Amino acid sequence: MLEGEGVWTNVDGDAVAMRRGDLLLTPSWAFHEHQNVTDEPMAWLDGLDIPLFSKLDGGFFEFGPDQLSTRETPERSRGERLWGQPGLRPISRPDQPNSPLNAYRWEHTDAALTAQLELQDEGVPGVIESGHAGVRFSNPTTGKDALVTMRTEMRRLRAGTQTVPVRTVGSAVWQVFEGEAVAHVGDKVFEIAKGDLFVVPSWCEVSLSARTQVDLFRFSDEPVYEALGLARTSRGEQQ
């Protein structure tokens, strides 16, 4: 979620509050709809795997009901109440390919990134590299990615951090949530700031230079390549 509040997304009838910084999931074969109970606009970024399904000739579409399934506006969705306790899963529920936790709240993401950088100062490992914290949103039933076809992550760079150049098989989209930085993508250089997006094609080198503390959301199709045995990543000078 990029800006605003007062909108709920109903995912298969479960009303999920949308707040700035949150990651909300609408998995395949789950009807979803939105309602804005305010007079103010809200903006978010949709990350879709439709191009992949189109190329695989595996896409289907089905119309949902003409009316909202619910007009409830709860603070916490049923999915959060059932699955949102860290490290605790209901014994009665089986594994699911996509995460049953339909909202990953910003306050938890922010706290995790903050803790990684604090622990780095204490000499405790946890960051990706010095000054570069990152978390991956995971499925609480499997420990794998929250969505079977898409990797979702949040990164935080301290001001002045220069990341090691990385190449990864799989395309990625980055969105600047807060802060300012310079992105080096292949032979291109981009000045990036809050609200900007940039794309990193498969096996294209990317590195970041943080002008201020910067938070970035990243999503990619890496899980697909991992499932096919085609995953590959190189860091630094290794090609």
Protein backbone atom coordinates (compact mmCIF):
# COMPACT_ATOMS: atom_id res chain seq x y z
CA MET A 1 0.00 0.00 0.00
CA LEU A 2 1.48 3.34 -1.05
CA GLU A 3 -0.79 6.08 0.29
CA GLY A 4 -4.03 6.49 2.23
CA GLU A 5 -6.34 4.55 4.52
CA GLY A 6 -10.02 3.75 4.76
CA VAL A 7 -10.13 1.01 2.12
CA TRP A 8 -10.86 -2.67 2.73
CA THR A 9 -10.14 -5.50 0.31
CA ASN A 10 -12.47 -8.47 0.61
CA VAL A 11 -10.62 -11.70 -0.25
CA ASP A 12 -13.11 -14.54 -0.62
CA GLY A 13 -15.40 -12.63 1.73
CA ASP A 14 -12.73 -11.85 4.35
CA ALA A 15 -12.48 -8.06 4.83
CA VAL A 16 -8.84 -6.91 5.07
CA ALA A 17 -7.97 -3.34 6.09
CA MET A 18 -5.50 -1.63 3.75
CA ARG A 19 -2.91 0.63 5.37
CA ARG A 20 0.22 2.32 4.11
CA GLY A 21 3.19 -0.03 3.92
CA ASP A 22 1.16 -3.23 4.18
CA LEU A 23 1.45 -6.18 1.80
CA LEU A 24 -1.94 -7.72 0.99
CA LEU A 25 -2.36 -10.98 -0.92
CA THR A 26 -5.10 -11.85 -3.41
CA PRO A 27 -4.05 -15.35 -4.55
CA SER A 28 -5.30 -17.05 -7.71
CA TRP A 29 -8.82 -18.48 -7.51
CA ALA A 30 -9.71 -16.09 -4.71
CA PHE A 31 -12.36 -13.53 -5.58
CA HIS A 32 -11.42 -10.07 -4.34
CA GLU A 33 -13.09 -6.67 -4.29
CA HIS A 34 -12.46 -3.26 -2.73
CA GLN A 35 -14.51 -0.71 -0.82
CA ASN A 36 -13.49 2.81 0.19
CA VAL A 37 -15.51 4.00 3.18
CA THR A 38 -14.02 7.53 3.04
CA ASP A 39 -14.05 10.42 0.58
CA GLU A 40 -10.26 10.25 0.21
CA PRO A 41 -8.30 8.39 -2.47
CA MET A 42 -5.93 5.50 -1.83
CA ALA A 43 -3.09 4.22 -4.02
CA TRP A 44 -1.42 0.84 -4.13
CA LEU A 45 0.79 -1.20 -6.43
CA ASP A 46 -0.51 -4.42 -7.97
CA GLY A 47 2.12 -7.10 -8.53
CA LEU A 48 0.75 -9.59 -11.06
CA ASP A 49 1.88 -12.88 -12.58
CA ILE A 50 -0.53 -12.57 -15.52
CA PRO A 51 2.29 -12.31 -18.14
CA LEU A 52 3.70 -15.64 -16.93
CA PHE A 53 0.34 -17.40 -17.09
CA SER A 54 -0.27 -15.92 -20.53
CA LYS A 55 3.03 -17.28 -21.85
CA LEU A 56 2.29 -20.68 -20.30
CA ASP A 57 -1.22 -20.65 -21.81
CA GLY A 58 -2.57 -21.43 -18.36
CA GLY A 59 -4.68 -18.38 -17.57
CA PHE A 60 -8.36 -18.52 -16.67
CA PHE A 61 -10.78 -15.76 -15.70
CA GLU A 62 -14.08 -15.95 -13.88
CA PHE A 63 -16.47 -13.12 -13.02
CA GLY A 64 -17.43 -12.75 -9.38
CA PRO A 65 -20.69 -11.54 -7.84
CA ASP A 66 -22.05 -8.13 -8.85
CA GLN A 67 -22.40 -7.01 -5.22
CA LEU A 68 -19.85 -6.73 -2.42
CA SER A 69 -19.61 -9.98 -0.49
CA THR A 70 -19.35 -8.02 2.78
CA ARG A 71 -19.30 -4.42 3.96
CA GLU A 72 -17.55 -5.27 7.22
CA THR A 73 -14.63 -3.03 8.26
CA PRO A 74 -12.77 -4.98 10.96
CA GLU A 75 -9.41 -3.94 12.38
CA ARG A 76 -8.08 -7.47 11.78
CA SER A 77 -9.22 -9.90 9.14
CA ARG A 78 -10.16 -13.48 9.92
CA GLY A 79 -6.96 -14.58 8.16
CA GLU A 80 -4.89 -12.39 10.47
CA ARG A 81 -6.69 -13.61 13.57
CA LEU A 82 -6.06 -17.23 12.59
CA TRP A 83 -2.55 -17.00 11.15
CA GLY A 84 -1.07 -13.73 12.41
CA GLN A 85 0.61 -14.92 15.63
CA PRO A 86 4.39 -15.29 15.05
CA GLY A 87 5.49 -18.90 14.89
CA LEU A 88 2.04 -20.26 15.79
CA ARG A 89 -0.21 -22.08 13.33
CA PRO A 90 -3.60 -23.67 13.92
CA ILE A 91 -3.16 -27.43 14.25
CA SER A 92 -6.36 -28.15 12.33
CA ARG A 93 -5.34 -26.35 9.12
CA PRO A 94 -3.34 -28.10 6.36
CA ASP A 95 -0.47 -26.67 4.31
CA GLN A 96 -1.53 -24.34 1.52
CA PRO A 97 0.40 -23.42 -1.64
CA ASN A 98 -0.29 -19.70 -1.15
CA SER A 99 -0.14 -18.01 2.22
CA PRO A 100 -3.43 -17.98 4.17
CA LEU A 101 -2.18 -14.85 5.96
CA ASN A 102 -3.76 -12.19 3.78
CA ALA A 103 -2.06 -9.13 5.31
CA TYR A 104 1.56 -8.49 6.29
CA ARG A 105 1.46 -5.30 8.34
CA TRP A 106 3.98 -2.50 8.00
CA GLU A 107 4.59 -2.22 11.74
CA HIS A 108 5.94 -5.79 11.76
CA THR A 109 8.04 -5.29 8.62
CA ASP A 110 9.45 -2.02 9.95
CA ALA A 111 10.29 -3.60 13.32
CA ALA A 112 12.08 -6.53 11.65
CA LEU A 113 14.20 -4.27 9.44
CA THR A 114 15.04 -1.99 12.37
CA ALA A 115 16.07 -4.97 14.51
CA GLN A 116 18.40 -6.35 11.82
CA LEU A 117 20.33 -3.09 11.61
CA GLU A 118 20.45 -2.70 15.40
CA LEU A 119 21.77 -6.24 15.76
CA GLN A 120 24.41 -5.56 13.11
CA ASP A 121 25.74 -2.81 15.40
CA GLU A 122 25.90 -5.42 18.18
CA GLY A 123 27.89 -7.81 16.01
CA VAL A 124 25.01 -10.24 15.47
CA PRO A 125 24.57 -11.58 11.90
CA GLY A 126 21.26 -11.03 10.14
CA VAL A 127 21.65 -8.34 7.49
CA ILE A 128 22.20 -9.10 3.80
CA GLU A 129 25.38 -7.03 3.90
CA SER A 130 26.60 -4.11 5.99
CA GLY A 131 23.90 -1.44 6.17
CA HIS A 132 21.49 -3.51 4.05
CA ALA A 133 18.59 -5.23 5.85
CA GLY A 134 15.96 -7.35 4.16
CA VAL A 135 12.95 -9.54 4.90
CA ARG A 136 11.05 -11.99 2.73
CA PHE A 137 7.31 -12.47 3.13
CA SER A 138 6.66 -16.17 3.71
CA ASN A 139 3.83 -18.67 3.82
CA PRO A 140 3.33 -19.73 7.47
CA THR A 141 2.22 -23.22 6.42
CA THR A 142 5.33 -24.05 4.37
CA GLY A 143 8.04 -21.49 5.19
CA LYS A 144 8.36 -20.84 1.45
CA ASP A 145 7.38 -17.72 -0.48
CA ALA A 146 4.01 -16.19 0.35
CA LEU A 147 2.90 -16.80 -3.25
CA VAL A 148 3.98 -19.82 -5.29
CA THR A 149 4.83 -17.78 -8.40
CA MET A 150 6.12 -14.57 -6.85
CA ARG A 151 8.80 -13.53 -4.36
CA THR A 152 8.00 -10.51 -2.19
CA GLU A 153 10.60 -8.70 -0.09
CA MET A 154 11.24 -5.43 1.73
CA ARG A 155 14.72 -3.93 1.91
CA ARG A 156 16.18 -1.10 4.01
CA LEU A 157 19.48 0.63 3.32
CA ARG A 158 21.17 2.98 5.74
CA ALA A 159 22.22 6.35 4.33
CA GLY A 160 25.54 6.00 2.53
CA THR A 161 25.25 2.26 1.95
CA GLN A 162 26.51 0.93 -1.38
CA THR A 163 25.26 -2.58 -2.15
CA VAL A 164 27.32 -5.26 -3.87
CA PRO A 165 26.33 -5.72 -7.54
CA VAL A 166 24.03 -8.73 -7.95
CA ARG A 167 22.75 -10.72 -10.92
CA THR A 168 19.74 -13.03 -10.53
CA VAL A 169 17.87 -15.28 -12.95
CA GLY A 170 14.34 -13.91 -12.82
CA SER A 171 12.91 -10.45 -13.44
CA ALA A 172 12.22 -8.05 -10.56
CA VAL A 173 10.25 -4.86 -9.96
CA TRP A 174 11.42 -2.45 -7.24
CA GLN A 175 9.34 0.32 -5.66
CA VAL A 176 10.77 3.06 -3.46
CA PHE A 177 8.61 3.28 -0.34
CA GLU A 178 10.67 5.95 1.43
CA GLY A 179 13.96 7.75 0.87
CA GLU A 180 16.32 8.53 -1.99
CA ALA A 181 18.97 6.45 -3.73
CA VAL A 182 20.77 5.80 -7.00
CA ALA A 183 20.04 2.54 -8.82
CA HIS A 184 22.61 1.07 -11.21
CA VAL A 185 20.81 -1.36 -13.54
CA GLY A 186 23.09 -2.79 -16.20
CA ASP A 187 24.66 0.22 -17.90
CA LYS A 188 21.83 2.55 -16.80
CA VAL A 189 21.86 4.88 -13.78
CA PHE A 190 18.61 6.11 -12.21
CA GLU A 191 18.02 8.68 -9.48
CA ILE A 192 15.17 7.19 -7.45
CA ALA A 193 12.95 8.59 -4.70
CA LYS A 194 9.70 7.87 -2.86
CA GLY A 195 7.06 6.51 -5.22
CA ASP A 196 9.43 5.60 -8.06
CA LEU A 197 9.55 2.17 -9.66
CA PHE A 198 12.28 0.51 -11.68
CA VAL A 199 12.61 -2.90 -13.33
CA VAL A 200 15.59 -5.27 -13.32
CA PRO A 201 15.48 -7.83 -16.16
CA SER A 202 16.69 -11.38 -15.62
CA TRP A 203 20.48 -11.67 -15.20
CA CYS A 204 20.95 -7.89 -15.34
CA GLU A 205 23.37 -6.52 -12.74
CA VAL A 206 21.85 -4.22 -10.12
CA SER A 207 23.34 -2.23 -7.25
CA LEU A 208 22.03 0.58 -5.05
CA SER A 209 23.61 3.63 -3.44
CA ALA A 210 21.51 5.11 -0.61
CA ARG A 211 21.52 8.92 -0.34
CA THR A 212 19.23 8.74 2.71
CA GLN A 213 17.83 5.80 4.60
CA VAL A 214 15.73 4.12 1.94
CA ASP A 215 13.04 1.44 2.09
CA LEU A 216 12.28 -0.53 -1.07
CA PHE A 217 9.68 -3.16 -1.88
CA ARG A 218 10.78 -5.82 -4.37
CA PHE A 219 8.84 -8.56 -6.12
CA SER A 220 10.12 -11.09 -8.65
CA ASP A 221 9.36 -14.37 -10.41
CA GLU A 222 12.34 -16.17 -8.86
CA PRO A 223 10.24 -18.97 -7.26
CA VAL A 224 9.27 -20.15 -10.74
CA TYR A 225 12.91 -20.54 -11.77
CA GLU A 226 13.71 -22.30 -8.51
CA ALA A 227 10.89 -24.80 -9.11
CA LEU A 228 12.33 -25.51 -12.58
CA GLY A 229 15.88 -25.92 -11.30
CA LEU A 230 17.05 -22.83 -13.21
CA ALA A 231 17.80 -20.49 -10.29
CA ARG A 232 21.16 -18.73 -10.28
CA THR A 233 22.58 -15.71 -8.45
CA SER A 234 26.00 -14.07 -8.55
CA ARG A 235 27.37 -11.34 -6.29
CA GLY A 236 30.24 -8.95 -6.80
CA GLU A 237 32.79 -9.81 -9.47
CA GLN A 238 31.64 -13.42 -9.98
CA GLN A 239 29.77 -13.86 -13.29
